[in-house]
C-alpha atoms as a PDB file:
ATOM      1  CA  MET A   1      -0.157   0.393   0.010  1.00  0.00           C
ATOM      2  CA  ILE A   2       3.045   2.572   1.020  1.00  0.00           C
ATOM      3  CA  ARG A   3       5.464   1.368  -2.159  1.00  0.00           C
ATOM      4  CA  SER A   4       1.698   2.073  -4.232  1.00  0.00           C
ATOM      5  CA  TRP A   5       1.354   5.527  -2.825  1.00  0.00           C
ATOM      6  CA  LYS A   6       4.959   6.237  -3.349  1.00  0.00           C
ATOM      7  CA  LEU A   7       4.800   5.337  -7.296  1.00  0.00           C
ATOM      8  CA  ARG A   8       1.547   7.605  -7.077  1.00  0.00           C
ATOM      9  CA  LEU A   9       3.072  10.422  -5.871  1.00  0.00           C
ATOM     10  CA  ALA A  10       6.342   9.887  -8.151  1.00  0.00           C
ATOM     11  CA  SER A  11       4.212   9.930 -10.982  1.00  0.00           C
ATOM     12  CA  LEU A  12       2.587  13.344  -9.501  1.00  0.00           C
ATOM     13  CA  GLY A  13       5.590  15.002  -9.614  1.00  0.00           C
ATOM     14  CA  LEU A  14       6.845  13.690 -13.290  1.00  0.00           C
ATOM     15  CA  LEU A  15       3.664  14.972 -14.616  1.00  0.00           C
ATOM     16  CA  LEU A  16       3.943  18.360 -12.560  1.00  0.00           C
ATOM     17  CA  CYS A  17       7.302  18.822 -14.307  1.00  0.00           C
ATOM     18  CA  GLY A  18       5.951  18.067 -17.491  1.00  0.00           C
ATOM     19  CA  CYS A  19       3.882  20.492 -17.653  1.00  0.00           C
ATOM     20  CA  LEU A  20       6.131  23.749 -15.451  1.00  0.00           C
ATOM     21  CA  ALA A  21       8.160  22.809 -18.184  1.00  0.00           C
ATOM     22  CA  PRO A  22       6.769  24.157 -21.111  1.00  0.00           C
ATOM     23  CA  ALA A  23       5.553  27.364 -19.827  1.00  0.00           C
ATOM     24  CA  ARG A  24       9.244  28.252 -18.449  1.00  0.00           C
ATOM     25  CA  GLY A  25       9.666  27.805 -22.070  1.00  0.00           C
ATOM     26  CA  GLN A  26       7.202  29.884 -23.325  1.00  0.00           C
ATOM     27  CA  GLU A  27       8.322  32.473 -20.629  1.00  0.00           C
ATOM     28  CA  GLU A  28      11.881  32.583 -22.337  1.00  0.00           C
ATOM     29  CA  THR A  29      10.837  32.700 -25.568  1.00  0.00           C
ATOM     30  CA  LYS A  30       7.860  35.097 -25.031  1.00  0.00           C
ATOM     31  CA  PRO A  31       8.241  37.648 -28.121  1.00  0.00           C
ATOM     32  CA  PHE A  32       9.081  40.579 -28.255  1.00  0.00           C
ATOM     33  CA  ARG A  33       7.203  43.834 -27.077  1.00  0.00           C
ATOM     34  CA  PHE A  34       7.664  47.738 -26.095  1.00  0.00           C
ATOM     35  CA  GLU A  35       6.769  48.534 -22.507  1.00  0.00           C
ATOM     36  CA  THR A  36       8.458  51.422 -22.049  1.00  0.00           C
ATOM     37  CA  ARG A  37       7.227  53.707 -25.047  1.00  0.00           C
ATOM     38  CA  PRO A  38       4.199  53.002 -28.303  1.00  0.00           C
ATOM     39  CA  ALA A  39       4.192  51.444 -31.124  1.00  0.00           C
ATOM     40  CA  ASP A  40       1.963  50.598 -34.035  1.00  0.00           C
ATOM     41  CA  ALA A  41       1.738  47.474 -34.901  1.00  0.00           C
ATOM     42  CA  HIS A  42       4.193  47.674 -38.200  1.00  0.00           C
ATOM     43  CA  GLN A  43       6.786  48.609 -36.120  1.00  0.00           C
ATOM     44  CA  ALA A  44       5.884  46.062 -33.329  1.00  0.00           C
ATOM     45  CA  GLU A  45       6.059  43.124 -36.241  1.00  0.00           C
ATOM     46  CA  ARG A  46       9.428  44.188 -37.635  1.00  0.00           C
ATOM     47  CA  ALA A  47      10.880  45.177 -33.825  1.00  0.00           C
ATOM     48  CA  GLY A  48       9.912  41.695 -33.120  1.00  0.00           C
ATOM     49  CA  ALA A  49      11.323  39.675 -35.677  1.00  0.00           C
ATOM     50  CA  VAL A  50      15.037  41.642 -35.451  1.00  0.00           C
ATOM     51  CA  ALA A  51      14.833  41.245 -31.560  1.00  0.00           C
ATOM     52  CA  ALA A  52      14.777  37.532 -32.395  1.00  0.00           C
ATOM     53  CA  ALA A  53      17.014  37.754 -34.232  1.00  0.00           C
ATOM     54  CA  ILE A  54      19.566  38.667 -32.864  1.00  0.00           C
ATOM     55  CA  GLY A  55      18.581  37.234 -29.355  1.00  0.00           C
ATOM     56  CA  PHE A  56      16.924  39.256 -27.398  1.00  0.00           C
ATOM     57  CA  ALA A  57      15.579  36.952 -24.966  1.00  0.00           C
ATOM     58  CA  GLY A  58      18.923  36.541 -23.644  1.00  0.00           C
ATOM     59  CA  TRP A  59      19.761  40.095 -23.009  1.00  0.00           C
ATOM     60  CA  PRO A  60      20.989  40.833 -19.360  1.00  0.00           C
ATOM     61  CA  LYS A  61      18.253  42.840 -17.457  1.00  0.00           C
ATOM     62  CA  THR A  62      20.483  45.710 -15.710  1.00  0.00           C
ATOM     63  CA  SER A  63      19.592  48.206 -13.076  1.00  0.00           C
ATOM     64  CA  GLU A  64      22.989  50.620 -13.239  1.00  0.00           C
ATOM     65  CA  LEU A  65      22.312  53.967 -14.368  1.00  0.00           C
ATOM     66  CA  TYR A  66      25.023  56.463 -16.087  1.00  0.00           C
ATOM     67  CA  LEU A  67      25.379  59.939 -17.182  1.00  0.00           C
ATOM     68  CA  ALA A  68      26.665  59.766 -20.840  1.00  0.00           C
ATOM     69  CA  PRO A  69      29.947  59.881 -21.232  1.00  0.00           C
ATOM     70  CA  ALA A  70      32.319  63.206 -22.207  1.00  0.00           C
ATOM     71  CA  VAL A  71      32.487  63.239 -26.032  1.00  0.00           C
ATOM     72  CA  SER A  72      34.987  65.056 -28.222  1.00  0.00           C
ATOM     73  CA  ARG A  73      37.205  64.239 -30.964  1.00  0.00           C
ATOM     74  CA  VAL A  74      39.997  63.438 -28.267  1.00  0.00           C
ATOM     75  CA  LEU A  75      38.628  60.032 -28.468  1.00  0.00           C
ATOM     76  CA  PHE A  76      39.597  59.650 -31.767  1.00  0.00           C
ATOM     77  CA  ARG A  77      42.975  57.163 -32.407  1.00  0.00           C
ATOM     78  CA  ASP A  78      44.340  60.532 -34.401  1.00  0.00           C
ATOM     79  CA  PRO A  79      41.917  63.707 -33.406  1.00  0.00           C
ATOM     80  CA  ALA A  80      44.103  65.963 -35.196  1.00  0.00           C
ATOM     81  CA  GLY A  81      42.620  63.924 -37.973  1.00  0.00           C
ATOM     82  CA  VAL A  82      39.045  65.070 -37.652  1.00  0.00           C
ATOM     83  CA  SER A  83      37.606  68.025 -37.804  1.00  0.00           C
ATOM     84  CA  GLU A  84      35.558  70.005 -34.690  1.00  0.00           C
ATOM     85  CA  GLU A  85      32.309  67.612 -33.860  1.00  0.00           C
ATOM     86  CA  VAL A  86      28.767  69.162 -35.051  1.00  0.00           C
ATOM     87  CA  ARG A  87      26.410  67.903 -32.050  1.00  0.00           C
ATOM     88  CA  ALA A  88      22.778  68.188 -32.001  1.00  0.00           C
ATOM     89  CA  CYS A  89      20.106  66.997 -29.096  1.00  0.00           C
ATOM     90  CA  THR A  90      16.926  66.464 -28.808  1.00  0.00           C
ATOM     91  CA  ASP A  91      14.403  64.659 -26.304  1.00  0.00           C
ATOM     92  CA  VAL A  92      12.868  61.254 -26.015  1.00  0.00           C
ATOM     93  CA  SER A  93       9.639  60.719 -24.104  1.00  0.00           C
ATOM     94  CA  ILE A  94       9.585  57.690 -22.212  1.00  0.00           C
ATOM     95  CA  GLY A  95       6.016  58.096 -19.769  1.00  0.00           C
ATOM     96  CA  ASP A  96       5.706  61.936 -19.171  1.00  0.00           C
ATOM     97  CA  GLU A  97       9.474  62.333 -18.740  1.00  0.00           C
ATOM     98  CA  PRO A  98      11.743  63.685 -21.486  1.00  0.00           C
ATOM     99  CA  TRP A  99      15.653  62.152 -21.931  1.00  0.00           C
ATOM    100  CA  PRO A 100      17.897  63.406 -23.952  1.00  0.00           C
ATOM    101  CA  LEU A 101      19.096  62.128 -27.435  1.00  0.00           C
ATOM    102  CA  CYS A 102      22.325  63.604 -28.227  1.00  0.00           C
ATOM    103  CA  THR A 103      24.275  63.123 -31.612  1.00  0.00           C
ATOM    104  CA  TRP A 104      27.976  63.843 -32.636  1.00  0.00           C
ATOM    105  CA  SER A 105      29.543  63.814 -36.334  1.00  0.00           C
ATOM    106  CA  TRP A 106      32.898  64.166 -37.647  1.00  0.00           C
ATOM    107  CA  LYS A 107      34.414  64.340 -40.941  1.00  0.00           C
ATOM    108  CA  ALA A 108      37.799  63.152 -41.382  1.00  0.00           C
ATOM    109  CA  LEU A 109      40.227  65.800 -42.786  1.00  0.00           C
ATOM    110  CA  GLY A 110      42.175  66.016 -46.194  1.00  0.00           C
ATOM    111  CA  GLU A 111      44.416  68.481 -47.768  1.00  0.00           C
ATOM    112  CA  GLY A 112      44.498  71.526 -46.656  1.00  0.00           C
ATOM    113  CA  ARG A 113      42.746  70.063 -43.989  1.00  0.00           C
ATOM    114  CA  LYS A 114      39.057  70.556 -46.059  1.00  0.00           C
ATOM    115  CA  PRO A 115      36.363  67.966 -44.579  1.00  0.00           C
ATOM    116  CA  SER A 116      35.684  65.195 -46.617  1.00  0.00           C
ATOM    117  CA  ALA A 117      32.375  64.390 -47.908  1.00  0.00           C
ATOM    118  CA  GLU A 118      32.995  60.556 -48.056  1.00  0.00           C
ATOM    119  CA  ASP A 119      35.024  60.117 -44.509  1.00  0.00           C
ATOM    120  CA  TRP A 120      32.470  60.423 -41.891  1.00  0.00           C
ATOM    121  CA  LEU A 121      31.087  58.944 -38.351  1.00  0.00           C
ATOM    122  CA  ASP A 122      28.514  59.597 -36.455  1.00  0.00           C
ATOM    123  CA  LEU A 123      27.963  58.940 -32.983  1.00  0.00           C
ATOM    124  CA  GLN A 124      24.255  58.898 -31.447  1.00  0.00           C
ATOM    125  CA  ILE A 125      23.418  58.295 -27.277  1.00  0.00           C
ATOM    126  CA  PHE A 126      20.462  58.118 -25.402  1.00  0.00           C
ATOM    127  CA  VAL A 127      20.259  58.622 -21.614  1.00  0.00           C
ATOM    128  CA  ALA A 128      17.608  56.155 -20.523  1.00  0.00           C
ATOM    129  CA  PRO A 129      15.749  56.166 -17.217  1.00  0.00           C
ATOM    130  CA  SER A 130      16.400  52.471 -17.011  1.00  0.00           C
ATOM    131  CA  GLY A 131      18.387  49.646 -19.167  1.00  0.00           C
ATOM    132  CA  ARG A 132      15.094  48.557 -20.166  1.00  0.00           C
ATOM    133  CA  ALA A 133      14.076  51.576 -21.871  1.00  0.00           C
ATOM    134  CA  ALA A 134      17.514  51.719 -23.414  1.00  0.00           C
ATOM    135  CA  GLN A 135      16.838  48.188 -24.576  1.00  0.00           C
ATOM    136  CA  GLU A 136      13.991  49.321 -26.795  1.00  0.00           C
ATOM    137  CA  HIS A 137      15.843  52.378 -28.032  1.00  0.00           C
ATOM    138  CA  LEU A 138      18.283  49.928 -29.660  1.00  0.00           C
ATOM    139  CA  ILE A 139      15.822  47.669 -31.262  1.00  0.00           C
ATOM    140  CA  GLY A 140      13.475  50.551 -32.355  1.00  0.00           C
ATOM    141  CA  SER A 141      16.715  52.521 -33.635  1.00  0.00           C
ATOM    142  CA  LEU A 142      17.328  48.955 -35.837  1.00  0.00           C
ATOM    143  CA  VAL A 143      13.688  48.908 -37.682  1.00  0.00           C
ATOM    144  CA  ASP A 144      13.787  52.684 -37.953  1.00  0.00           C
ATOM    145  CA  ASN A 145      14.529  52.314 -41.532  1.00  0.00           C
ATOM    146  CA  GLN A 146      12.968  51.495 -44.783  1.00  0.00           C
ATOM    147  CA  MET A 147      14.561  48.063 -45.926  1.00  0.00           C
ATOM    148  CA  ALA A 148      12.270  45.439 -45.831  1.00  0.00           C
ATOM    149  CA  THR A 149      11.521  43.221 -42.854  1.00  0.00           C
ATOM    150  CA  GLU A 150      13.020  39.805 -43.800  1.00  0.00           C
ATOM    151  CA  ASN A 151      16.637  41.758 -45.023  1.00  0.00           C
ATOM    152  CA  LEU A 152      16.773  43.726 -41.797  1.00  0.00           C
ATOM    153  CA  VAL A 153      16.149  39.816 -40.113  1.00  0.00           C
ATOM    154  CA  ALA A 154      19.118  38.444 -42.640  1.00  0.00           C
ATOM    155  CA  VAL A 155      21.264  41.114 -41.904  1.00  0.00           C
ATOM    156  CA  TYR A 156      21.230  41.053 -37.971  1.00  0.00           C
ATOM    157  CA  LYS A 157      20.975  37.496 -38.181  1.00  0.00           C
ATOM    158  CA  THR A 158      24.814  37.479 -39.222  1.00  0.00           C
ATOM    159  CA  ALA A 159      25.881  40.266 -37.422  1.00  0.00           C
ATOM    160  CA  SER A 160      28.633  39.623 -34.881  1.00  0.00           C
ATOM    161  CA  ARG A 161      27.744  40.678 -31.250  1.00  0.00           C
ATOM    162  CA  PRO A 162      31.183  41.099 -29.625  1.00  0.00           C
ATOM    163  CA  LYS A 163      31.100  39.788 -25.700  1.00  0.00           C
ATOM    164  CA  ASN A 164      34.079  42.867 -24.546  1.00  0.00           C
ATOM    165  CA  LEU A 165      31.588  45.756 -25.242  1.00  0.00           C
ATOM    166  CA  GLY A 166      28.525  46.919 -23.476  1.00  0.00           C
ATOM    167  CA  HIS A 167      26.655  44.563 -21.700  1.00  0.00           C
ATOM    168  CA  VAL A 168      25.174  43.846 -25.162  1.00  0.00           C
ATOM    169  CA  ALA A 169      26.381  44.990 -28.850  1.00  0.00           C
ATOM    170  CA  VAL A 170      25.847  43.712 -32.515  1.00  0.00           C
ATOM    171  CA  VAL A 171      28.298  45.153 -35.101  1.00  0.00           C
ATOM    172  CA  VAL A 172      27.043  45.499 -38.802  1.00  0.00           C
ATOM    173  CA  LEU A 173      30.219  45.669 -41.714  1.00  0.00           C
ATOM    174  CA  ALA A 174      28.729  46.728 -45.329  1.00  0.00           C
ATOM    175  CA  PRO A 175      28.862  43.944 -47.877  1.00  0.00           C
ATOM    176  CA  LYS A 176      32.270  45.912 -49.767  1.00  0.00           C
ATOM    177  CA  GLY A 177      33.962  47.130 -46.275  1.00  0.00           C
ATOM    178  CA  GLN A 178      32.851  51.085 -46.894  1.00  0.00           C
ATOM    179  CA  GLU A 179      30.853  51.287 -43.595  1.00  0.00           C
ATOM    180  CA  THR A 180      30.775  49.798 -40.213  1.00  0.00           C
ATOM    181  CA  THR A 181      28.117  50.338 -37.178  1.00  0.00           C
ATOM    182  CA  THR A 182      27.812  49.058 -34.020  1.00  0.00           C
ATOM    183  CA  SER A 183      24.764  49.304 -31.331  1.00  0.00           C
ATOM    184  CA  PHE A 184      25.417  48.422 -27.788  1.00  0.00           C
ATOM    185  CA  ILE A 185      23.998  48.954 -24.554  1.00  0.00           C
ATOM    186  CA  ARG A 186      25.693  49.709 -21.213  1.00  0.00           C
ATOM    187  CA  GLY A 187      23.314  50.300 -17.990  1.00  0.00           C
ATOM    188  CA  ASN A 188      20.703  52.759 -19.009  1.00  0.00           C
ATOM    189  CA  LEU A 189      22.616  54.113 -21.873  1.00  0.00           C
ATOM    190  CA  ALA A 190      21.983  52.887 -25.628  1.00  0.00           C
ATOM    191  CA  PHE A 191      24.908  53.883 -28.127  1.00  0.00           C
ATOM    192  CA  ARG A 192      25.238  53.686 -31.864  1.00  0.00           C
ATOM    193  CA  ILE A 193      28.207  54.535 -34.085  1.00  0.00           C
ATOM    194  CA  ARG A 194      28.445  54.556 -37.647  1.00  0.00           C
ATOM    195  CA  GLY A 195      31.382  55.112 -39.937  1.00  0.00           C
ATOM    196  CA  HIS A 196      31.942  55.343 -43.464  1.00  0.00           C
ATOM    197  CA  GLY A 197      35.216  55.403 -45.439  1.00  0.00           C
ATOM    198  CA  THR A 198      38.411  55.770 -43.789  1.00  0.00           C
ATOM    199  CA  LEU A 199      36.311  56.569 -40.320  1.00  0.00           C
ATOM    200  CA  ALA A 200      34.715  52.944 -40.200  1.00  0.00           C
ATOM    201  CA  ALA A 201      37.698  51.837 -38.883  1.00  0.00           C
ATOM    202  CA  GLU A 202      37.238  54.139 -35.844  1.00  0.00           C
ATOM    203  CA  VAL A 203      33.937  52.877 -34.985  1.00  0.00           C
ATOM    204  CA  LEU A 204      34.977  50.394 -32.683  1.00  0.00           C
ATOM    205  CA  PRO A 205      38.000  51.789 -30.896  1.00  0.00           C
ATOM    206  CA  LEU A 206      35.369  54.804 -30.366  1.00  0.00           C
ATOM    207  CA  ALA A 207      33.036  51.879 -28.787  1.00  0.00           C
ATOM    208  CA  ALA A 208      35.497  50.654 -26.334  1.00  0.00           C
ATOM    209  CA  LYS A 209      36.894  53.955 -25.274  1.00  0.00           C
ATOM    210  CA  LEU A 210      33.242  55.020 -24.435  1.00  0.00           C
ATOM    211  CA  ASP A 211      32.402  51.254 -22.994  1.00  0.00           C
ATOM    212  CA  GLU A 212      35.639  51.711 -20.701  1.00  0.00           C
ATOM    213  CA  SER A 213      35.222  55.280 -19.428  1.00  0.00           C
ATOM    214  CA  LEU A 214      31.564  54.016 -18.186  1.00  0.00           C
ATOM    215  CA  ILE A 215      33.065  51.207 -16.196  1.00  0.00           C
ATOM    216  CA  ALA A 216      35.139  53.154 -14.065  1.00  0.00           C
ATOM    217  CA  ARG A 217      32.230  54.652 -12.667  1.00  0.00           C
ATOM    218  CA  ALA A 218      29.901  54.239  -9.907  1.00  0.00           C
ATOM    219  CA  PRO A 219      26.217  54.253 -10.944  1.00  0.00           C
ATOM    220  CA  LEU A 220      23.461  56.972  -9.586  1.00  0.00           C
ATOM    221  CA  THR A 221      20.308  56.846  -8.678  1.00  0.00           C
ATOM    222  CA  LEU A 222      17.750  57.364 -10.720  1.00  0.00           C
ATOM    223  CA  GLU A 223      16.495  60.527  -9.037  1.00  0.00           C
ATOM    224  CA  GLU A 224      20.426  61.656  -9.437  1.00  0.00           C
ATOM    225  CA  LEU A 225      20.582  60.588 -13.185  1.00  0.00           C
ATOM    226  CA  ARG A 226      17.322  62.709 -13.259  1.00  0.00           C
ATOM    227  CA  THR A 227      18.615  66.068 -11.937  1.00  0.00           C
ATOM    228  CA  ARG A 228      22.228  65.453 -13.078  1.00  0.00           C
ATOM    229  CA  THR A 229      20.443  64.953 -16.941  1.00  0.00           C
ATOM    230  CA  ARG A 230      18.490  68.416 -16.439  1.00  0.00           C
ATOM    231  CA  GLU A 231      22.044  69.861 -15.761  1.00  0.00           C
ATOM    232  CA  LYS A 232      23.739  68.928 -18.653  1.00  0.00           C
ATOM    233  CA  PRO A 233      24.237  71.964 -20.649  1.00  0.00           C
ATOM    234  CA  GLY A 234      22.761  72.258 -24.373  1.00  0.00           C
ATOM    235  CA  ARG A 235      19.761  70.534 -23.135  1.00  0.00           C
ATOM    236  CA  LYS A 236      16.575  71.571 -25.805  1.00  0.00           C
END
């Protein structure tokens, strides 16, 4: 009698494990959806497809909060070889709060120190109030173009994902090697760096320098981030 009861209990345990395992698997592979920003059905569909292609389900949940690092041409390996930066900032609303999105642009200097039209680099940094908001911004930036969704998925399935850059990173090389784009997340900061021509080779070294400058910092609280972000010059 006791043996029969034990066998029934063991069978019940196996059944419960069998029921719970698919549930856990379904949760782990739950489709991506925007939680911190609005998106229409088309954007959501594209974002879900690209998120699956780059393994978003495995991205870490981060709690670190940082200010954007200082940016200037001194970050380049040859600062004298690039023009002074052109900077533009705007605000992105997360909930009812504005958060800064800034872009810096440089051009390589040619003969007579004239800026080159073909050799340029753009850096974009978004300061988000959370790691999730930064990740969603990055995903949104990857699908904010006219490329067909199936082509986007093909690009990001084959993109490299360096392990030593940010909490997550994606690097895309143009077929002819004339352009490099890296997108990466460190805590609440989303970076996107795109280099063309001779400055394509500066993308990854610049990304590494920016990331290293953050690793050495102590994270902020959300209130500290709010206060110090509002104090940053150049906010619109």
